[in-house]
Protein backbone atom coordinates (compact mmCIF):
# COMPACT_ATOMS: atom_id res chain seq x y z
CA UNK A 1 31.82 -74.88 84.45
CA UNK A 2 33.72 -72.27 87.08
CA UNK A 3 32.10 -68.60 87.86
CA UNK A 4 33.14 -65.83 86.13
CA UNK A 5 35.54 -64.26 88.58
CA UNK A 6 33.85 -60.58 88.64
CA UNK A 7 30.75 -62.45 90.07
CA UNK A 8 32.98 -63.73 92.79
CA UNK A 9 34.31 -60.12 93.30
CA UNK A 10 30.95 -58.34 94.87
CA UNK A 11 31.56 -58.68 98.77
CA UNK A 12 28.82 -60.13 100.85
CA UNK A 13 26.77 -61.25 97.35
CA UNK A 14 26.33 -64.88 96.00
CA UNK A 15 24.55 -64.35 92.44
CA UNK A 16 22.88 -67.41 91.47
CA UNK A 17 24.58 -68.14 87.76
CA UNK A 18 24.17 -71.41 85.89
CA UNK A 19 26.97 -73.35 87.94
CA UNK A 20 24.99 -71.99 91.25
CA UNK A 21 21.85 -73.47 89.94
CA UNK A 22 23.63 -77.04 88.65
CA UNK A 23 24.93 -77.02 92.36
CA UNK A 24 21.80 -76.60 94.53
CA UNK A 25 19.50 -78.44 91.76
CA UNK A 26 18.85 -80.72 94.60
CA UNK A 27 18.52 -78.56 97.50
CA UNK A 28 16.32 -76.50 95.18
CA UNK A 29 14.36 -79.12 94.51
CA UNK A 30 14.01 -80.47 98.35
CA UNK A 31 12.81 -76.80 98.85
CA UNK A 32 10.13 -76.82 96.05
CA UNK A 33 8.79 -80.43 97.66
CA UNK A 34 7.89 -77.97 100.75
CA UNK A 35 4.98 -76.50 98.61
CA UNK A 36 2.88 -79.75 99.58
CA UNK A 37 1.38 -80.03 102.82
CA UNK A 38 2.45 -83.86 103.06
CA UNK A 39 5.77 -82.71 102.39
CA UNK A 40 6.04 -80.25 104.85
CA UNK A 41 4.33 -82.39 107.78
CA UNK A 42 7.10 -85.11 106.86
CA UNK A 43 10.01 -82.67 107.31
CA UNK A 44 8.92 -81.42 110.18
CA UNK A 45 7.99 -85.06 111.67
CA UNK A 46 12.07 -85.61 110.91
CA UNK A 47 14.08 -82.87 109.40
CA UNK A 48 16.98 -85.60 108.73
CA UNK A 49 14.93 -88.51 106.99
CA UNK A 50 12.89 -86.06 105.29
CA UNK A 51 16.63 -84.68 103.90
CA UNK A 52 17.99 -88.06 103.11
CA UNK A 53 15.46 -88.53 100.30
CA UNK A 54 17.39 -86.15 99.11
CA UNK A 55 20.90 -86.36 96.83
CA UNK A 56 22.10 -83.45 98.47
CA UNK A 57 25.57 -83.29 99.75
CA UNK A 58 25.98 -83.65 103.35
CA UNK A 59 27.11 -79.88 103.69
CA UNK A 60 23.65 -79.06 102.23
CA UNK A 61 21.85 -81.45 104.51
CA UNK A 62 23.59 -79.50 107.36
CA UNK A 63 23.09 -75.90 106.64
CA UNK A 64 19.35 -76.63 106.09
CA UNK A 65 19.34 -78.33 109.78
CA UNK A 66 21.44 -75.30 110.89
CA UNK A 67 18.80 -73.12 108.76
CA UNK A 68 22.04 -71.63 107.69
CA UNK A 69 20.73 -69.21 104.48
CA UNK A 70 23.92 -67.95 104.10
CA UNK A 71 25.81 -70.93 103.45
CA UNK A 72 22.91 -72.69 101.27
CA UNK A 73 23.42 -69.59 98.96
CA UNK A 74 26.85 -70.38 98.70
CA UNK A 75 26.10 -73.79 98.29
CA UNK A 76 23.62 -73.45 95.28
CA UNK A 77 20.29 -72.15 97.06
CA UNK A 78 18.58 -70.04 95.44
CA UNK A 79 16.72 -67.90 97.75
CA UNK A 80 13.08 -68.02 96.21
CA UNK A 81 13.58 -71.54 96.42
CA UNK A 82 15.03 -71.11 100.33
CA UNK A 83 11.93 -69.03 101.36
CA UNK A 84 9.64 -72.25 101.13
CA UNK A 85 12.21 -73.61 104.20
CA UNK A 86 11.52 -70.60 106.66
CA UNK A 87 7.97 -70.42 105.55
CA UNK A 88 7.74 -73.83 106.59
CA UNK A 89 9.49 -72.95 110.34
CA UNK A 90 6.44 -70.13 110.36
CA UNK A 91 9.07 -67.50 109.53
CA UNK A 92 8.74 -64.43 107.28
CA UNK A 93 11.16 -63.60 104.46
CA UNK A 94 12.26 -60.11 107.06
CA UNK A 95 13.23 -62.53 109.28
CA UNK A 96 15.08 -64.50 107.22
CA UNK A 97 17.12 -61.52 105.46
CA UNK A 98 17.65 -59.99 109.25
CA UNK A 99 19.59 -63.37 109.91
CA UNK A 100 21.29 -63.17 107.04
CA UNK A 101 22.52 -59.63 107.27
CA UNK A 102 23.79 -60.03 110.98
CA UNK A 103 21.08 -57.68 112.03
CA UNK A 104 18.45 -58.02 114.63
CA UNK A 105 14.85 -58.06 113.00
CA UNK A 106 13.81 -54.76 114.02
CA UNK A 107 17.56 -52.98 112.72
CA UNK A 108 16.91 -54.76 109.34
CA UNK A 109 13.35 -53.33 108.92
CA UNK A 110 14.41 -49.98 110.03
CA UNK A 111 17.73 -49.71 107.14
CA UNK A 112 15.41 -50.78 104.96
CA UNK A 113 12.86 -48.47 105.82
CA UNK A 114 15.71 -45.82 105.63
CA UNK A 115 16.46 -46.74 101.98
CA UNK A 116 18.20 -49.98 102.34
CA UNK A 117 22.32 -50.37 102.74
CA UNK A 118 24.59 -47.56 101.72
CA UNK A 119 26.42 -48.06 98.05
CA UNK A 120 29.23 -46.85 100.28
CA UNK A 121 32.04 -48.77 101.73
CA UNK A 122 33.47 -51.87 100.29
CA UNK A 123 32.87 -52.88 96.51
CA UNK A 124 35.61 -55.43 95.13
CA UNK A 125 37.17 -58.01 97.38
CA UNK A 126 40.15 -58.10 95.05
CA UNK A 127 40.63 -54.40 95.12
CA UNK A 128 39.79 -54.10 99.25
CA UNK A 129 37.54 -51.17 98.28
């Protein structure tokens, strides 16, 4: 199943659709496994071996190893499930969000306190506006 074209036209945004859910099913299941202490310990002891327990794609596994959250989103990850990874790493949601926006954590916090990103700017990839 393909994504509705309008959902692919939002700059900097991955919409979590049914197709994304199917694409990321095993990635998200891996993330949910990190809710258990013994799973977190096994993952931290040997990340690659733990990931190999899951039928994820090599690209998904590499994105986890690289902690490339934007790539994980593109490969079907759900941000609320991905939060289990950065929590396992002892990192906050704020930390991960700043990474995903390419901002320092301090700049990200200041932007959010000031009301978030401006709605002005690129609104359509297709139309370039």
